[in-house]
C-alpha atoms as a PDB file:
ATOM      1  CA  MET A   1      -8.986 -10.603  27.556  1.00  0.00           C
ATOM      2  CA  ALA A   2      -9.002  -7.709  25.066  1.00  0.00           C
ATOM      3  CA  ALA A   3      -5.994  -6.184  26.821  1.00  0.00           C
ATOM      4  CA  ASP A   4      -4.042  -9.411  26.248  1.00  0.00           C
ATOM      5  CA  ALA A   5      -4.733  -9.188  22.491  1.00  0.00           C
ATOM      6  CA  LEU A   6      -3.135  -5.718  22.402  1.00  0.00           C
ATOM      7  CA  ASP A   7      -0.065  -6.720  24.406  1.00  0.00           C
ATOM      8  CA  PRO A   8       3.021  -5.962  22.234  1.00  0.00           C
ATOM      9  CA  GLY A   9       4.430  -9.447  22.826  1.00  0.00           C
ATOM     10  CA  VAL A  10       1.189 -11.079  21.675  1.00  0.00           C
ATOM     11  CA  VAL A  11       1.066  -8.872  18.584  1.00  0.00           C
ATOM     12  CA  LEU A  12       4.715  -9.629  17.777  1.00  0.00           C
ATOM     13  CA  ASP A  13       4.180 -13.374  18.112  1.00  0.00           C
ATOM     14  CA  LYS A  14       1.142 -13.203  15.821  1.00  0.00           C
ATOM     15  CA  LEU A  15       3.054 -11.198  13.190  1.00  0.00           C
ATOM     16  CA  LYS A  16       6.000 -13.597  13.309  1.00  0.00           C
ATOM     17  CA  HIS A  17       3.689 -16.571  12.879  1.00  0.00           C
ATOM     18  CA  GLU A  18       1.952 -14.969   9.886  1.00  0.00           C
ATOM     19  CA  LEU A  19       4.934 -13.355   8.117  1.00  0.00           C
ATOM     20  CA  VAL A  20       8.272 -15.039   8.833  1.00  0.00           C
ATOM     21  CA  GLY A  21       9.384 -17.496   6.180  1.00  0.00           C
ATOM     22  CA  ARG A  22       6.992 -16.184   3.535  1.00  0.00           C
ATOM     23  CA  TYR A  23       7.521 -13.812   0.615  1.00  0.00           C
ATOM     24  CA  TYR A  24       5.370 -10.818  -0.287  1.00  0.00           C
ATOM     25  CA  THR A  25       5.326  -8.183  -2.988  1.00  0.00           C
ATOM     26  CA  VAL A  26       4.948  -4.805  -1.308  1.00  0.00           C
ATOM     27  CA  THR A  27       4.307  -1.468  -3.010  1.00  0.00           C
ATOM     28  CA  GLY A  28       4.389   1.937  -1.402  1.00  0.00           C
ATOM     29  CA  HIS A  29       6.609   4.871  -0.568  1.00  0.00           C
ATOM     30  CA  LYS A  30      10.002   4.667   1.133  1.00  0.00           C
ATOM     31  CA  LEU A  31      10.277   6.937   4.168  1.00  0.00           C
ATOM     32  CA  ASP A  32      13.874   6.822   5.439  1.00  0.00           C
ATOM     33  CA  ARG A  33      14.202   3.210   6.603  1.00  0.00           C
ATOM     34  CA  TYR A  34      10.461   2.449   6.566  1.00  0.00           C
ATOM     35  CA  ILE A  35       7.942   1.713   3.828  1.00  0.00           C
ATOM     36  CA  LEU A  36       4.480   3.289   3.855  1.00  0.00           C
ATOM     37  CA  VAL A  37       2.685   0.282   2.384  1.00  0.00           C
ATOM     38  CA  GLU A  38      -0.075   0.824  -0.166  1.00  0.00           C
ATOM     39  CA  SER A  39      -0.530  -2.840  -1.067  1.00  0.00           C
ATOM     40  CA  ILE A  40       0.853  -6.218  -0.095  1.00  0.00           C
ATOM     41  CA  THR A  41       0.432  -9.421  -2.086  1.00  0.00           C
ATOM     42  CA  PRO A  42       1.544 -12.852  -0.875  1.00  0.00           C
ATOM     43  CA  ARG A  43       3.790 -14.783  -3.271  1.00  0.00           C
ATOM     44  CA  THR A  44       2.914 -18.436  -3.657  1.00  0.00           C
ATOM     45  CA  SER A  45       6.155 -19.269  -5.438  1.00  0.00           C
ATOM     46  CA  LEU A  46       9.462 -17.563  -6.046  1.00  0.00           C
ATOM     47  CA  ASP A  47      11.893 -18.466  -8.767  1.00  0.00           C
ATOM     48  CA  ARG A  48      15.631 -18.315  -8.173  1.00  0.00           C
ATOM     49  CA  GLU A  49      16.237 -15.508 -10.690  1.00  0.00           C
ATOM     50  CA  LEU A  50      13.653 -13.236  -9.039  1.00  0.00           C
ATOM     51  CA  LEU A  51      15.079 -13.990  -5.598  1.00  0.00           C
ATOM     52  CA  ASP A  52      18.608 -13.095  -6.749  1.00  0.00           C
ATOM     53  CA  GLN A  53      17.281  -9.851  -8.247  1.00  0.00           C
ATOM     54  CA  MET A  54      15.428  -8.934  -5.039  1.00  0.00           C
ATOM     55  CA  LEU A  55      18.493  -9.608  -2.912  1.00  0.00           C
ATOM     56  CA  ALA A  56      20.736  -7.525  -5.192  1.00  0.00           C
ATOM     57  CA  GLU A  57      18.485  -4.433  -5.231  1.00  0.00           C
ATOM     58  CA  PRO A  58      19.162  -3.204  -1.653  1.00  0.00           C
ATOM     59  CA  LEU A  59      22.900  -3.590  -2.227  1.00  0.00           C
ATOM     60  CA  ALA A  60      22.721  -1.520  -5.400  1.00  0.00           C
ATOM     61  CA  GLN A  61      20.701   1.182  -3.619  1.00  0.00           C
ATOM     62  CA  GLN A  62      23.194   1.328  -0.717  1.00  0.00           C
ATOM     63  CA  GLU A  63      26.095   1.790  -3.109  1.00  0.00           C
ATOM     64  CA  VAL A  64      24.373   4.824  -4.711  1.00  0.00           C
ATOM     65  CA  GLU A  65      23.459   6.540  -1.433  1.00  0.00           C
END
């Protein structure tokens, strides 16, 4: 039973169920294409202006690199 809980497919399904479709504020250090997370805070609401800003940031960073 414990081995089933560590199965990569089981872990992936659990993460998808908990994370997909929700927004979080994450702080940490960027390591190439990964983030070494120091803290993560769930967002209960997200206004349109903040969403537009968040979506524009990766595009602006890609243009600089």
